[in-house]
Amino acid sequence: MALKTKEVGIREVPRFDKWIVLSLQHLFAMFGATILVPYLVDLSPAVALLSSGLGTLAYLVITRGQIPAYLGSSFAFIAPIIAATSLNGPEGVMIGSFLAGLAYGIIALIIKAFGVNSIMRFLPPIVVGPVIMVIGLGLAGVAIDMAMNEPATGEYSTTHFTVALITLAITVVASMFFKGFFSLVPIMFGIVGGYITALFFGLIDWQPVRDASWIAAPDVLIPFVTYSPAFSWEIAFIMVPIAVVTIAEHIGDQMVLSKVVGKNFIKEPGLHRSILGDGVATIIASFVGGPPNTTYGENIGVLAITRVFSVFVIAGAAVLAISFSFIGKFAALIQTIPTAVMGGVSILLFGVIASSGLRMLIDNGINIGLKRNLIISSVILVIGIGGAFIQVTENIVIPGMALATIIGIILHMILPEKEVSYGKKAMFESE
């Protein structure tokens, strides 16, 4: 259960011993998801922890220490990262992440100048919801492949699938029946339980942990130092459109956080600052070799339970994440987690992402029976999940997820009766 304490204000500093414990709670809340993303896309989990901590500290500075939000690895970028890696390797991913971070900055400037409605009128629930569903369902094959198949041969393995299903069962039980803070970290319980199960099935080799040193710098990717960055239109089309969807999610997180804390963060310090902070965190990740960052719902849940809103506690969690990234044996231990364990957790996680898109439609009272809404959602789902793409030139391709987002926005702008695509209430309030 979470550490019980009286409400602590945004700028209050807890007593040192409580400060450490409260920061550790936030570290545990973000940990499972933050290391899962780089694991799935073949980036360094240690670097993901490093970029998560650095990005969170930058976010706190940009938002003037007024928003107690933690940033971790973004699941929305998993499929684009895999696609970008197949084109230009991890270095190409970093270029795409940098461009996505710039997109955040541009949108922050637009919101500052014209208000949040200037962006949200292009992103009604009927567009954002199905695109989020595409993000989750498009990854279903990745989760099943990791869960069922032997990584070395790619062939079906009863042993691996059994471990994956047990991992999934533990994660489901933790999600449904654990209370308090424990209910916020089912991924952690799933990974730990699955890891113990994999030990009994003989799927774990601890030799890399024995060989690793205690202190070791993470394997960072630094532009102009470890590689020479090169712009690619194809990678830009793969990565940048996803920023549009994650910004919509970011606004939703800010609304929830505002309700939890009892302070309108959309007004003060302003949505433009929080989006800019998210973008700068993603740019920082691109400078060190980590996946793009985003605000974490798990950590908002911790705030709701503990009523500790101190940005100093959030900063403490960021410092702890950075510290963990330099523990060599810890990084090696993460690398020993079998793919079957991560596959079992991913079955639930990717389904939750898809379901959150469906929930957006329900929460906003979207009538799918209306032809306009039915057409927009249907086209987005089939193009995105079906993997359609446009070959612009020999070296430039607009992939399915980006194409689905673009076509969804175009359909929304040209089809009549726009008001029915916003539902019975506004998706996000600007006031």
Protein backbone atom coordinates (compact mmCIF):
# COMPACT_ATOMS: atom_id res chain seq x y z
CA MET A 1 0.00 0.00 0.00
CA ALA A 2 1.16 3.53 -0.65
CA LEU A 3 2.81 5.50 2.09
CA LYS A 4 0.01 7.36 3.91
CA THR A 5 0.70 11.00 4.65
CA LYS A 6 -1.10 14.30 4.88
CA GLU A 7 -1.53 16.33 1.70
CA VAL A 8 1.75 17.89 0.61
CA GLY A 9 1.61 20.96 -1.61
CA ILE A 10 3.27 21.39 -5.00
CA ARG A 11 6.19 23.43 -3.67
CA GLU A 12 6.55 21.75 -0.27
CA VAL A 13 9.65 19.72 0.61
CA PRO A 14 8.94 16.58 2.70
CA ARG A 15 11.24 15.42 5.48
CA PHE A 16 14.25 13.70 3.92
CA ASP A 17 13.39 10.11 4.90
CA LYS A 18 9.81 10.45 3.61
CA TRP A 19 11.14 12.26 0.53
CA ILE A 20 13.22 9.21 -0.46
CA VAL A 21 10.38 6.73 0.11
CA LEU A 22 7.85 8.86 -1.77
CA SER A 23 10.26 9.29 -4.69
CA LEU A 24 10.86 5.53 -4.78
CA GLN A 25 7.09 5.00 -5.11
CA HIS A 26 7.10 7.13 -8.27
CA LEU A 27 10.14 5.26 -9.57
CA PHE A 28 8.37 1.92 -9.11
CA ALA A 29 5.19 3.27 -10.75
CA MET A 30 6.98 4.28 -13.95
CA PHE A 31 9.61 1.57 -13.99
CA GLY A 32 7.83 -1.38 -15.61
CA ALA A 33 6.41 0.56 -18.55
CA THR A 34 9.52 2.67 -19.07
CA ILE A 35 11.86 -0.32 -19.44
CA LEU A 36 9.30 -2.31 -21.47
CA VAL A 37 9.30 0.15 -24.38
CA PRO A 38 13.07 0.05 -25.07
CA TYR A 39 13.04 -3.70 -24.53
CA LEU A 40 10.42 -4.11 -27.26
CA VAL A 41 12.24 -1.87 -29.76
CA ASP A 42 15.80 -3.01 -29.03
CA LEU A 43 17.00 0.18 -27.35
CA SER A 44 18.86 0.30 -24.03
CA PRO A 45 16.58 0.19 -20.93
CA ALA A 46 19.35 1.91 -18.96
CA VAL A 47 19.37 4.80 -21.44
CA ALA A 48 15.57 4.94 -21.24
CA LEU A 49 15.85 5.42 -17.48
CA LEU A 50 18.49 8.11 -18.03
CA SER A 51 16.42 10.00 -20.60
CA SER A 52 13.30 9.61 -18.46
CA GLY A 53 15.01 11.23 -15.48
CA LEU A 54 16.63 14.00 -17.51
CA GLY A 55 13.40 14.67 -19.40
CA THR A 56 11.37 14.90 -16.20
CA LEU A 57 13.83 17.39 -14.68
CA ALA A 58 13.67 19.50 -17.86
CA TYR A 59 9.87 19.33 -17.78
CA LEU A 60 9.78 20.58 -14.19
CA VAL A 61 12.04 23.51 -15.10
CA ILE A 62 10.01 24.48 -18.20
CA THR A 63 6.72 24.31 -16.28
CA ARG A 64 8.29 26.52 -13.57
CA GLY A 65 8.03 23.80 -10.95
CA GLN A 66 4.25 24.06 -10.99
CA ILE A 67 3.16 20.70 -12.49
CA PRO A 68 4.00 17.50 -10.55
CA ALA A 69 4.22 15.17 -13.56
CA TYR A 70 6.64 12.33 -14.29
CA LEU A 71 7.67 11.47 -17.86
CA GLY A 72 8.54 8.01 -19.14
CA SER A 73 8.83 6.03 -22.39
CA SER A 74 5.89 6.51 -24.79
CA PHE A 75 4.06 3.39 -26.01
CA ALA A 76 2.56 5.30 -28.94
CA PHE A 77 5.94 5.40 -30.66
CA ILE A 78 6.69 1.65 -30.46
CA ALA A 79 5.55 0.77 -34.00
CA PRO A 80 7.15 3.89 -35.56
CA ILE A 81 10.43 3.15 -33.76
CA ILE A 82 10.44 -0.42 -35.09
CA ALA A 83 9.78 0.90 -38.61
CA ALA A 84 12.44 3.60 -38.34
CA THR A 85 14.98 1.11 -36.96
CA SER A 86 14.47 -1.15 -39.97
CA LEU A 87 15.33 1.80 -42.23
CA ASN A 88 18.27 3.55 -40.57
CA GLY A 89 18.88 1.74 -37.29
CA PRO A 90 18.68 3.36 -33.83
CA GLU A 91 20.37 6.47 -35.23
CA GLY A 92 17.40 6.99 -37.55
CA VAL A 93 15.06 6.63 -34.58
CA MET A 94 16.86 9.43 -32.78
CA ILE A 95 16.42 11.74 -35.79
CA GLY A 96 12.70 10.91 -35.85
CA SER A 97 12.40 11.51 -32.10
CA PHE A 98 14.12 14.87 -32.47
CA LEU A 99 11.68 15.88 -35.22
CA ALA A 100 8.71 14.73 -33.12
CA GLY A 101 10.03 16.87 -30.25
CA LEU A 102 10.21 19.86 -32.61
CA ALA A 103 6.58 19.20 -33.59
CA TYR A 104 5.65 19.49 -29.91
CA GLY A 105 7.41 22.87 -29.80
CA ILE A 106 5.58 24.16 -32.89
CA ILE A 107 2.19 23.08 -31.53
CA ALA A 108 3.05 24.69 -28.17
CA LEU A 109 3.67 27.98 -29.97
CA ILE A 110 0.35 27.69 -31.86
CA ILE A 111 -1.52 27.01 -28.60
CA LYS A 112 0.22 29.95 -26.93
CA ALA A 113 -0.80 32.26 -29.79
CA PHE A 114 -4.31 31.01 -30.62
CA GLY A 115 -5.49 28.84 -27.71
CA VAL A 116 -6.02 25.10 -27.29
CA ASN A 117 -9.11 25.03 -29.54
CA SER A 118 -6.91 25.98 -32.51
CA ILE A 119 -5.44 22.47 -32.33
CA MET A 120 -8.30 20.45 -30.90
CA ARG A 121 -10.76 21.40 -33.67
CA PHE A 122 -8.61 19.21 -35.95
CA LEU A 123 -8.60 16.35 -33.43
CA PRO A 124 -12.13 15.36 -32.38
CA PRO A 125 -12.69 12.09 -30.49
CA ILE A 126 -13.76 10.35 -33.72
CA VAL A 127 -10.22 10.87 -35.06
CA VAL A 128 -8.12 10.50 -31.91
CA GLY A 129 -9.99 7.47 -30.53
CA PRO A 130 -9.60 5.19 -33.59
CA VAL A 131 -5.96 6.27 -34.06
CA ILE A 132 -5.22 5.22 -30.47
CA MET A 133 -6.95 1.91 -31.24
CA VAL A 134 -4.68 1.53 -34.28
CA ILE A 135 -1.62 2.09 -32.07
CA GLY A 136 -2.65 -0.73 -29.72
CA LEU A 137 -4.04 -3.23 -32.23
CA GLY A 138 -1.18 -2.62 -34.65
CA LEU A 139 1.17 -4.00 -31.99
CA ALA A 140 -0.89 -7.12 -31.27
CA GLY A 141 1.27 -9.25 -33.57
CA VAL A 142 4.43 -8.11 -31.78
CA ALA A 143 3.03 -9.17 -28.39
CA ILE A 144 1.87 -12.58 -29.63
CA ASP A 145 5.14 -13.28 -31.44
CA MET A 146 7.12 -12.53 -28.28
CA ALA A 147 4.77 -14.61 -26.17
CA MET A 148 4.54 -17.74 -28.34
CA ASN A 149 7.80 -18.11 -30.20
CA GLU A 150 11.35 -19.11 -29.36
CA PRO A 151 13.40 -15.92 -29.94
CA ALA A 152 16.40 -17.71 -31.47
CA THR A 153 14.44 -19.73 -34.05
CA GLY A 154 11.12 -17.87 -34.35
CA GLU A 155 9.30 -21.19 -33.99
CA TYR A 156 6.36 -21.95 -31.70
CA SER A 157 7.36 -22.89 -28.14
CA THR A 158 4.94 -24.35 -25.59
CA THR A 159 7.37 -23.45 -22.81
CA HIS A 160 7.59 -19.80 -23.81
CA PHE A 161 3.83 -19.47 -24.31
CA THR A 162 3.19 -21.06 -20.90
CA VAL A 163 5.51 -18.53 -19.24
CA ALA A 164 3.80 -15.72 -21.14
CA LEU A 165 0.32 -16.83 -20.08
CA ILE A 166 1.37 -17.15 -16.43
CA THR A 167 2.90 -13.66 -16.64
CA LEU A 168 -0.33 -12.35 -18.15
CA ALA A 169 -2.38 -14.01 -15.38
CA ILE A 170 -0.23 -12.42 -12.65
CA THR A 171 -0.56 -9.00 -14.30
CA VAL A 172 -4.35 -9.36 -14.56
CA VAL A 173 -4.66 -10.44 -10.91
CA ALA A 174 -2.49 -7.49 -9.79
CA SER A 175 -4.62 -5.10 -11.84
CA MET A 176 -7.94 -6.42 -10.58
CA PHE A 177 -7.40 -7.36 -6.96
CA PHE A 178 -4.45 -5.41 -5.54
CA LYS A 179 -5.32 -2.27 -3.61
CA GLY A 180 -3.76 1.16 -3.10
CA PHE A 181 -0.37 1.83 -4.63
CA PHE A 182 0.06 -1.85 -5.54
CA SER A 183 -2.87 -1.55 -7.96
CA LEU A 184 -0.86 1.07 -9.89
CA VAL A 185 2.12 -1.17 -10.63
CA PRO A 186 0.66 -4.38 -12.14
CA ILE A 187 3.34 -4.33 -14.84
CA MET A 188 6.02 -4.56 -12.16
CA PHE A 189 4.27 -7.50 -10.49
CA GLY A 190 3.77 -9.19 -13.87
CA ILE A 191 7.44 -8.85 -14.84
CA VAL A 192 8.71 -10.01 -11.43
CA GLY A 193 6.24 -12.93 -11.28
CA GLY A 194 6.97 -13.89 -14.87
CA TYR A 195 10.70 -13.70 -14.24
CA ILE A 196 10.42 -16.10 -11.28
CA THR A 197 8.30 -18.42 -13.43
CA ALA A 198 10.89 -18.29 -16.22
CA LEU A 199 13.56 -19.29 -13.70
CA PHE A 200 11.71 -22.54 -12.99
CA PHE A 201 11.45 -23.19 -16.73
CA GLY A 202 15.18 -22.65 -17.21
CA LEU A 203 14.85 -19.65 -19.53
CA ILE A 204 17.24 -17.31 -17.70
CA ASP A 205 21.01 -17.05 -17.96
CA TRP A 206 22.53 -14.99 -15.15
CA GLN A 207 26.05 -15.00 -16.56
CA PRO A 208 25.73 -11.50 -18.06
CA VAL A 209 24.82 -10.19 -14.60
CA ARG A 210 27.85 -11.85 -13.05
CA ASP A 211 30.10 -10.42 -15.76
CA ALA A 212 28.73 -6.87 -15.51
CA SER A 213 30.42 -4.26 -13.34
CA TRP A 214 28.52 -2.45 -10.61
CA ILE A 215 29.14 0.99 -12.06
CA ALA A 216 28.89 1.40 -15.83
CA ALA A 217 27.88 4.26 -18.08
CA PRO A 218 24.78 3.49 -20.18
CA ASP A 219 25.26 2.91 -23.90
CA VAL A 220 24.22 6.36 -25.05
CA LEU A 221 23.83 7.45 -28.68
CA ILE A 222 25.05 11.04 -29.00
CA PRO A 223 24.76 12.89 -32.34
CA PHE A 224 28.08 13.99 -33.87
CA VAL A 225 29.88 11.90 -31.23
CA THR A 226 28.78 8.27 -31.68
CA TYR A 227 27.12 8.80 -35.07
CA SER A 228 26.56 11.40 -37.79
CA PRO A 229 22.86 12.35 -38.00
CA ALA A 230 21.22 12.44 -41.43
CA PHE A 231 17.75 13.83 -42.16
CA SER A 232 15.23 11.42 -43.73
CA TRP A 233 11.79 12.39 -45.04
CA GLU A 234 10.64 8.80 -44.69
CA ILE A 235 11.48 8.71 -40.98
CA ALA A 236 9.87 12.14 -40.56
CA PHE A 237 6.60 10.77 -42.01
CA ILE A 238 6.85 7.75 -39.71
CA MET A 239 7.50 9.56 -36.41
CA VAL A 240 6.13 13.11 -36.56
CA PRO A 241 2.38 12.39 -37.13
CA ILE A 242 2.34 10.31 -33.92
CA ALA A 243 3.14 13.50 -31.99
CA VAL A 244 -0.30 14.80 -32.95
CA VAL A 245 -1.98 11.88 -31.17
CA THR A 246 0.30 11.92 -28.13
CA ILE A 247 -0.37 15.65 -27.72
CA ALA A 248 -4.09 14.90 -27.54
CA GLU A 249 -3.31 12.29 -24.85
CA HIS A 250 -1.08 14.82 -23.10
CA ILE A 251 -3.95 17.31 -22.89
CA GLY A 252 -6.14 14.59 -21.40
CA ASP A 253 -3.46 13.82 -18.79
CA GLN A 254 -3.26 17.51 -17.89
CA MET A 255 -7.03 17.65 -17.36
CA VAL A 256 -6.94 14.59 -15.09
CA LEU A 257 -3.92 15.94 -13.20
CA SER A 258 -5.67 19.30 -12.75
CA LYS A 259 -8.67 17.55 -11.19
CA VAL A 260 -6.45 15.44 -8.90
CA VAL A 261 -4.41 18.38 -7.62
CA GLY A 262 -7.26 20.90 -7.67
CA LYS A 263 -5.39 23.43 -9.80
CA ASN A 264 -6.04 24.30 -13.47
CA PHE A 265 -2.71 23.56 -15.14
CA ILE A 266 -4.22 24.33 -18.55
CA LYS A 267 -4.39 27.99 -17.45
CA GLU A 268 -1.34 28.20 -15.18
CA PRO A 269 1.48 27.62 -16.01
CA GLY A 270 -0.34 27.00 -19.32
CA LEU A 271 -0.84 24.09 -21.70
CA HIS A 272 1.79 25.52 -24.04
CA ARG A 273 4.41 25.12 -21.30
CA SER A 274 3.49 21.53 -20.48
CA ILE A 275 3.48 20.53 -24.16
CA LEU A 276 6.80 22.31 -24.67
CA GLY A 277 8.19 20.44 -21.65
CA ASP A 278 7.04 17.15 -23.17
CA GLY A 279 8.71 18.08 -26.46
CA VAL A 280 11.99 19.09 -24.83
CA ALA A 281 12.00 15.80 -22.88
CA THR A 282 11.61 13.92 -26.17
CA ILE A 283 14.42 15.96 -27.75
CA ILE A 284 16.67 15.17 -24.76
CA ALA A 285 15.87 11.48 -25.24
CA SER A 286 16.92 11.78 -28.89
CA PHE A 287 20.25 13.27 -27.80
CA VAL A 288 21.15 10.28 -25.58
CA GLY A 289 19.52 7.35 -27.42
CA GLY A 290 16.27 6.86 -25.50
CA PRO A 291 12.67 6.48 -26.73
CA PRO A 292 10.36 9.54 -26.84
CA ASN A 293 8.94 10.58 -23.47
CA THR A 294 5.40 11.33 -22.34
CA THR A 295 3.54 12.05 -19.11
CA TYR A 296 2.62 8.88 -17.19
CA GLY A 297 -0.87 8.05 -15.96
CA GLU A 298 0.60 5.63 -13.42
CA ASN A 299 2.33 8.48 -11.64
CA ILE A 300 -0.82 10.61 -11.70
CA GLY A 301 -2.44 7.67 -9.92
CA VAL A 302 0.27 7.77 -7.25
CA LEU A 303 -0.47 11.47 -6.71
CA ALA A 304 -4.18 10.72 -6.34
CA ILE A 305 -3.58 8.04 -3.71
CA THR A 306 -0.84 9.68 -1.64
CA ARG A 307 -2.04 13.32 -1.97
CA VAL A 308 1.65 14.24 -2.14
CA PHE A 309 1.88 16.78 -4.97
CA SER A 310 5.42 17.99 -4.31
CA VAL A 311 7.50 18.59 -7.43
CA PHE A 312 10.53 17.88 -5.25
CA VAL A 313 9.31 14.29 -4.81
CA ILE A 314 8.94 14.00 -8.61
CA ALA A 315 12.44 15.45 -9.05
CA GLY A 316 13.73 12.91 -6.52
CA ALA A 317 12.28 10.07 -8.58
CA ALA A 318 13.98 11.52 -11.67
CA VAL A 319 17.35 11.63 -9.89
CA LEU A 320 16.88 8.03 -8.72
CA ALA A 321 16.10 6.94 -12.31
CA ILE A 322 19.28 8.61 -13.54
CA SER A 323 21.27 6.91 -10.75
CA PHE A 324 19.85 3.47 -11.60
CA SER A 325 20.92 3.90 -15.23
CA PHE A 326 24.57 3.87 -14.14
CA ILE A 327 24.33 0.56 -12.22
CA GLY A 328 25.80 -1.96 -14.65
CA LYS A 329 24.48 -5.10 -12.94
CA PHE A 330 21.00 -3.62 -12.87
CA ALA A 331 21.09 -2.96 -16.63
CA ALA A 332 22.38 -6.50 -17.22
CA LEU A 333 19.59 -7.93 -15.05
CA ILE A 334 16.96 -6.19 -17.20
CA GLN A 335 18.53 -7.71 -20.31
CA THR A 336 18.06 -11.21 -18.88
CA ILE A 337 14.26 -10.87 -18.81
CA PRO A 338 12.94 -13.44 -21.33
CA THR A 339 10.93 -12.21 -24.31
CA ALA A 340 8.09 -14.50 -23.20
CA VAL A 341 7.70 -12.49 -20.00
CA MET A 342 7.60 -9.19 -21.86
CA GLY A 343 5.22 -10.73 -24.39
CA GLY A 344 2.81 -11.79 -21.65
CA VAL A 345 2.75 -8.29 -20.18
CA SER A 346 2.42 -6.74 -23.63
CA ILE A 347 -0.74 -8.72 -24.44
CA LEU A 348 -2.55 -6.79 -21.73
CA LEU A 349 -0.78 -3.48 -22.26
CA PHE A 350 -1.38 -3.23 -26.00
CA GLY A 351 -4.99 -4.26 -25.49
CA VAL A 352 -5.38 -1.54 -22.86
CA ILE A 353 -4.03 1.03 -25.33
CA ALA A 354 -6.59 -0.06 -27.94
CA SER A 355 -9.36 -0.09 -25.34
CA SER A 356 -8.48 3.44 -24.21
CA GLY A 357 -9.24 4.62 -27.75
CA LEU A 358 -12.63 2.92 -27.54
CA ARG A 359 -13.17 4.49 -24.11
CA MET A 360 -12.54 7.94 -25.57
CA LEU A 361 -15.43 7.41 -27.99
CA ILE A 362 -17.72 6.19 -25.21
CA ASP A 363 -16.78 8.89 -22.68
CA ASN A 364 -17.47 11.61 -25.24
CA GLY A 365 -20.80 10.14 -26.30
CA ILE A 366 -19.81 9.56 -29.92
CA ASN A 367 -22.63 8.05 -31.98
CA ILE A 368 -20.93 5.54 -34.30
CA GLY A 369 -24.30 4.89 -35.94
CA LEU A 370 -24.10 8.25 -37.72
CA LYS A 371 -22.66 7.88 -41.23
CA ARG A 372 -20.00 10.57 -40.77
CA ASN A 373 -18.57 8.98 -37.64
CA LEU A 374 -18.85 5.46 -39.04
CA ILE A 375 -16.94 6.43 -42.19
CA ILE A 376 -14.12 8.25 -40.40
CA SER A 377 -13.55 5.54 -37.77
CA SER A 378 -13.79 2.70 -40.32
CA VAL A 379 -11.27 4.25 -42.71
CA ILE A 380 -8.79 5.01 -39.90
CA LEU A 381 -9.00 1.48 -38.47
CA VAL A 382 -8.59 -0.41 -41.75
CA ILE A 383 -5.82 1.81 -43.17
CA GLY A 384 -3.91 1.86 -39.88
CA ILE A 385 -4.22 -1.81 -38.89
CA GLY A 386 -4.08 -3.05 -42.49
CA GLY A 387 -0.68 -1.45 -42.99
CA ALA A 388 -1.56 0.71 -46.01
CA PHE A 389 1.15 3.12 -47.15
CA ILE A 390 1.89 5.65 -49.87
CA GLN A 391 5.16 5.37 -51.78
CA VAL A 392 5.91 9.06 -52.38
CA THR A 393 9.34 8.50 -53.91
CA GLU A 394 11.80 5.62 -53.93
CA ASN A 395 13.06 6.68 -50.49
CA ILE A 396 9.97 8.33 -48.98
CA VAL A 397 7.03 6.30 -47.67
CA ILE A 398 4.04 7.48 -45.62
CA PRO A 399 3.31 4.43 -43.39
CA GLY A 400 -0.07 3.15 -42.26
CA MET A 401 -0.32 4.78 -38.83
CA ALA A 402 0.67 8.20 -40.14
CA LEU A 403 -1.55 7.79 -43.21
CA ALA A 404 -4.52 6.81 -41.05
CA THR A 405 -4.04 9.92 -38.89
CA ILE A 406 -3.70 12.25 -41.88
CA ILE A 407 -6.71 10.80 -43.74
CA GLY A 408 -8.79 10.87 -40.55
CA ILE A 409 -8.08 14.58 -40.09
CA ILE A 410 -8.82 15.31 -43.78
CA LEU A 411 -12.13 13.42 -43.66
CA HIS A 412 -13.11 15.29 -40.51
CA MET A 413 -12.38 18.64 -42.16
CA ILE A 414 -14.24 17.99 -45.46
CA LEU A 415 -17.27 15.92 -44.45
CA PRO A 416 -20.43 17.80 -43.40
CA GLU A 417 -21.96 17.89 -39.89
CA LYS A 418 -18.67 18.28 -38.01
CA GLU A 419 -20.41 18.83 -34.70
CA VAL A 420 -21.45 15.15 -34.40
CA SER A 421 -17.78 14.10 -34.30
CA TYR A 422 -17.19 15.98 -31.05
CA GLY A 423 -19.82 14.03 -29.16
CA LYS A 424 -22.14 15.25 -26.45
CA LYS A 425 -19.41 17.12 -24.61
CA ALA A 426 -16.02 18.62 -25.36
CA MET A 427 -13.16 16.10 -25.30
CA PHE A 428 -10.98 18.55 -23.39
CA GLU A 429 -11.97 21.78 -21.72
CA SER A 430 -9.89 24.82 -22.49
CA GLU A 431 -11.08 26.65 -19.41
